[in-house]
C-alpha cells in the first residue's frame, strides 16, 4: 500500500473524529444553555 495514501486516510479519519467531537460538544453546550429557559434571555 502506498505510504502517502495511508497518511491521507489517517488525516481524513482524524478530521472526521474532530468534526464529530466538535458537533457533540456544540450539542452539549446548546443543551446546557437551553436547560434554564429564563436565563437564556
PDB file of N, CA and C in Angstrom:
ATOM      1  N   UNK A   1       0.847  -1.195   0.000  1.00  0.00           N
ATOM      2  CA  UNK A   1       0.000   0.000   0.000  1.00  0.00           C
ATOM      3  C   UNK A   1       0.886   1.250   0.000  1.00  0.00           C
ATOM      4  N   UNK A   2       0.393   2.277  -0.659  1.00  0.00           N
ATOM      5  CA  UNK A   2       1.187   3.495  -0.761  1.00  0.00           C
ATOM      6  C   UNK A   2       1.213   4.221   0.582  1.00  0.00           C
ATOM      7  N   UNK A   3       2.390   4.657   0.982  1.00  0.00           N
ATOM      8  CA  UNK A   3       2.507   5.338   2.280  1.00  0.00           C
ATOM      9  C   UNK A   3       1.744   6.667   2.272  1.00  0.00           C
ATOM     10  N   UNK A   4       1.792   7.378   1.141  1.00  0.00           N
ATOM     11  CA  UNK A   4       1.091   8.658   1.071  1.00  0.00           C
ATOM     12  C   UNK A   4      -0.413   8.444   1.211  1.00  0.00           C
ATOM     13  N   UNK A   5      -0.905   7.370   0.614  1.00  0.00           N
ATOM     14  CA  UNK A   5      -2.340   7.087   0.695  1.00  0.00           C
ATOM     15  C   UNK A   5      -2.741   6.812   2.140  1.00  0.00           C
ATOM     16  N   UNK A   6      -1.941   6.036   2.849  1.00  0.00           N
ATOM     17  CA  UNK A   6      -2.276   5.744   4.248  1.00  0.00           C
ATOM     18  C   UNK A   6      -2.264   7.027   5.072  1.00  0.00           C
ATOM     19  N   UNK A   7      -1.307   7.906   4.801  1.00  0.00           N
ATOM     20  CA  UNK A   7      -1.250   9.172   5.535  1.00  0.00           C
ATOM     21  C   UNK A   7      -2.507   9.994   5.266  1.00  0.00           C
ATOM     22  N   UNK A   8      -2.949  10.019   4.015  1.00  0.00           N
ATOM     23  CA  UNK A   8      -4.167  10.773   3.695  1.00  0.00           C
ATOM     24  C   UNK A   8      -5.371  10.174   4.404  1.00  0.00           C
ATOM     25  N   UNK A   9      -5.438   8.841   4.431  1.00  0.00           N
ATOM     26  CA  UNK A   9      -6.563   8.190   5.113  1.00  0.00           C
ATOM     27  C   UNK A   9      -6.554   8.530   6.596  1.00  0.00           C
ATOM     28  N   UNK A  10      -5.377   8.521   7.204  1.00  0.00           N
ATOM     29  CA  UNK A  10      -5.285   8.853   8.631  1.00  0.00           C
ATOM     30  C   UNK A  10      -5.730  10.294   8.855  1.00  0.00           C
ATOM     31  N   UNK A  11      -5.312  11.200   7.981  1.00  0.00           N
ATOM     32  CA  UNK A  11      -5.712  12.605   8.123  1.00  0.00           C
ATOM     33  C   UNK A  11      -7.227  12.747   7.993  1.00  0.00           C
ATOM     34  N   UNK A  12      -7.813  12.021   7.037  1.00  0.00           N
ATOM     35  CA  UNK A  12      -9.263  12.089   6.860  1.00  0.00           C
ATOM     36  C   UNK A  12      -9.972  11.567   8.101  1.00  0.00           C
ATOM     37  N   UNK A  13      -9.479  10.459   8.642  1.00  0.00           N
ATOM     38  CA  UNK A  13     -10.110   9.904   9.844  1.00  0.00           C
ATOM     39  C   UNK A  13     -10.005  10.880  11.004  1.00  0.00           C
ATOM     40  N   UNK A  14      -8.828  11.505  11.149  1.00  0.00           N
ATOM     41  CA  UNK A  14      -8.653  12.464  12.242  1.00  0.00           C
ATOM     42  C   UNK A  14      -9.601  13.647  12.058  1.00  0.00           C
ATOM     43  N   UNK A  15      -9.735  14.136  10.830  1.00  0.00           N
ATOM     44  CA  UNK A  15     -10.635  15.267  10.581  1.00  0.00           C
ATOM     45  C   UNK A  15     -12.069  14.877  10.920  1.00  0.00           C
ATOM     46  N   UNK A  16     -12.468  13.653  10.550  1.00  0.00           N
ATOM     47  CA  UNK A  16     -13.829  13.199  10.848  1.00  0.00           C
ATOM     48  C   UNK A  16     -14.041  13.108  12.354  1.00  0.00           C
ATOM     49  N   UNK A  17     -13.044  12.607  13.056  1.00  0.00           N
ATOM     50  CA  UNK A  17     -13.166  12.496  14.519  1.00  0.00           C
ATOM     51  C   UNK A  17     -13.290  13.881  15.147  1.00  0.00           C
ATOM     52  N   UNK A  18     -12.474  14.818  14.686  1.00  0.00           N
ATOM     53  CA  UNK A  18     -12.534  16.177  15.238  1.00  0.00           C
ATOM     54  C   UNK A  18     -13.894  16.794  14.955  1.00  0.00           C
ATOM     55  N   UNK A  19     -14.399  16.562  13.722  1.00  0.00           N
ATOM     56  CA  UNK A  19     -15.704  17.127  13.372  1.00  0.00           C
ATOM     57  C   UNK A  19     -16.787  16.556  14.284  1.00  0.00           C
ATOM     58  N   UNK A  20     -16.715  15.233  14.514  1.00  0.00           N
ATOM     59  CA  UNK A  20     -17.730  14.599  15.359  1.00  0.00           C
ATOM     60  C   UNK A  20     -17.635  15.126  16.790  1.00  0.00           C
ATOM     61  N   UNK A  21     -16.400  15.298  17.285  1.00  0.00           N
ATOM     62  CA  UNK A  21     -16.232  15.800  18.656  1.00  0.00           C
ATOM     63  C   UNK A  21     -16.785  17.215  18.764  1.00  0.00           C
ATOM     64  N   UNK A  22     -16.492  18.040  17.761  1.00  0.00           N
ATOM     65  CA  UNK A  22     -16.999  19.422  17.803  1.00  0.00           C
ATOM     66  C   UNK A  22     -18.520  19.431  17.784  1.00  0.00           C
ATOM     67  N   UNK A  23     -19.110  18.552  16.948  1.00  0.00           N
ATOM     68  CA  UNK A  23     -20.569  18.518  16.863  1.00  0.00           C
ATOM     69  C   UNK A  23     -21.155  18.102  18.213  1.00  0.00           C
ATOM     70  N   UNK A  24     -20.554  17.075  18.853  1.00  0.00           N
ATOM     71  CA  UNK A  24     -21.069  16.622  20.147  1.00  0.00           C
ATOM     72  C   UNK A  24     -20.927  17.727  21.193  1.00  0.00           C
ATOM     73  N   UNK A  25     -19.773  18.403  21.191  1.00  0.00           N
ATOM     74  CA  UNK A  25     -19.564  19.466  22.173  1.00  0.00           C
ATOM     75  C   UNK A  25     -20.559  20.598  21.941  1.00  0.00           C
ATOM     76  N   UNK A  26     -20.795  20.946  20.677  1.00  0.00           N
ATOM     77  CA  UNK A  26     -21.739  22.013  20.364  1.00  0.00           C
ATOM     78  C   UNK A  26     -23.141  21.633  20.831  1.00  0.00           C
ATOM     79  N   UNK A  27     -23.543  20.382  20.577  1.00  0.00           N
ATOM     80  CA  UNK A  27     -24.866  19.923  21.008  1.00  0.00           C
ATOM     81  C   UNK A  27     -24.964  19.974  22.530  1.00  0.00           C
ATOM     82  N   UNK A  28     -23.884  19.591  23.216  1.00  0.00           N
ATOM     83  CA  UNK A  28     -23.904  19.607  24.680  1.00  0.00           C
ATOM     84  C   UNK A  28     -24.042  21.041  25.188  1.00  0.00           C
ATOM     85  N   UNK A  29     -23.319  21.977  24.583  1.00  0.00           N
ATOM     86  CA  UNK A  29     -23.408  23.366  25.036  1.00  0.00           C
ATOM     87  C   UNK A  29     -24.797  23.930  24.750  1.00  0.00           C
ATOM     88  N   UNK A  30     -25.351  23.597  23.589  1.00  0.00           N
ATOM     89  CA  UNK A  30     -26.697  24.085  23.262  1.00  0.00           C
ATOM     90  C   UNK A  30     -27.697  23.523  24.259  1.00  0.00           C
ATOM     91  N   UNK A  31     -27.543  22.235  24.602  1.00  0.00           N
ATOM     92  CA  UNK A  31     -28.448  21.623  25.568  1.00  0.00           C
ATOM     93  C   UNK A  31     -28.299  22.307  26.928  1.00  0.00           C
ATOM     94  N   UNK A  32     -27.056  22.611  27.311  1.00  0.00           N
ATOM     95  CA  UNK A  32     -26.826  23.236  28.620  1.00  0.00           C
ATOM     96  C   UNK A  32     -27.423  24.645  28.650  1.00  0.00           C
ATOM     97  N   UNK A  33     -27.292  25.381  27.554  1.00  0.00           N
ATOM     98  CA  UNK A  33     -27.841  26.740  27.542  1.00  0.00           C
ATOM     99  C   UNK A  33     -29.360  26.709  27.453  1.00  0.00           C
ATOM    100  N   UNK A  34     -29.914  25.659  26.872  1.00  0.00           N
ATOM    101  CA  UNK A  34     -31.372  25.592  26.751  1.00  0.00           C
ATOM    102  C   UNK A  34     -32.027  25.115  28.040  1.00  0.00           C
ATOM    103  N   UNK A  35     -31.258  24.478  28.927  1.00  0.00           N
ATOM    104  CA  UNK A  35     -31.870  23.932  30.144  1.00  0.00           C
ATOM    105  C   UNK A  35     -32.504  25.037  30.995  1.00  0.00           C
ATOM    106  N   UNK A  36     -31.826  26.162  31.291  1.00  0.00           N
ATOM    107  CA  UNK A  36     -32.514  27.249  32.006  1.00  0.00           C
ATOM    108  C   UNK A  36     -33.222  28.161  31.007  1.00  0.00           C
ATOM    109  N   UNK A  37     -34.528  28.102  30.894  1.00  0.00           N
ATOM    110  CA  UNK A  37     -35.234  28.875  29.852  1.00  0.00           C
ATOM    111  C   UNK A  37     -35.253  30.371  30.139  1.00  0.00           C
ATOM    112  N   UNK A  38     -35.319  30.778  31.419  1.00  0.00           N
ATOM    113  CA  UNK A  38     -35.423  32.214  31.707  1.00  0.00           C
ATOM    114  C   UNK A  38     -34.062  32.890  31.688  1.00  0.00           C
ATOM    115  N   UNK A  39     -32.982  32.123  31.979  1.00  0.00           N
ATOM    116  CA  UNK A  39     -31.656  32.745  31.999  1.00  0.00           C
ATOM    117  C   UNK A  39     -31.129  32.969  30.582  1.00  0.00           C
ATOM    118  N   UNK A  40     -31.729  32.299  29.593  1.00  0.00           N
ATOM    119  CA  UNK A  40     -31.233  32.430  28.221  1.00  0.00           C
ATOM    120  C   UNK A  40     -31.435  33.861  27.725  1.00  0.00           C
ATOM    121  N   UNK A  41     -32.495  34.548  28.217  1.00  0.00           N
ATOM    122  CA  UNK A  41     -32.744  35.891  27.684  1.00  0.00           C
ATOM    123  C   UNK A  41     -32.296  36.962  28.620  1.00  0.00           C
TER     124      UNK A  41
END
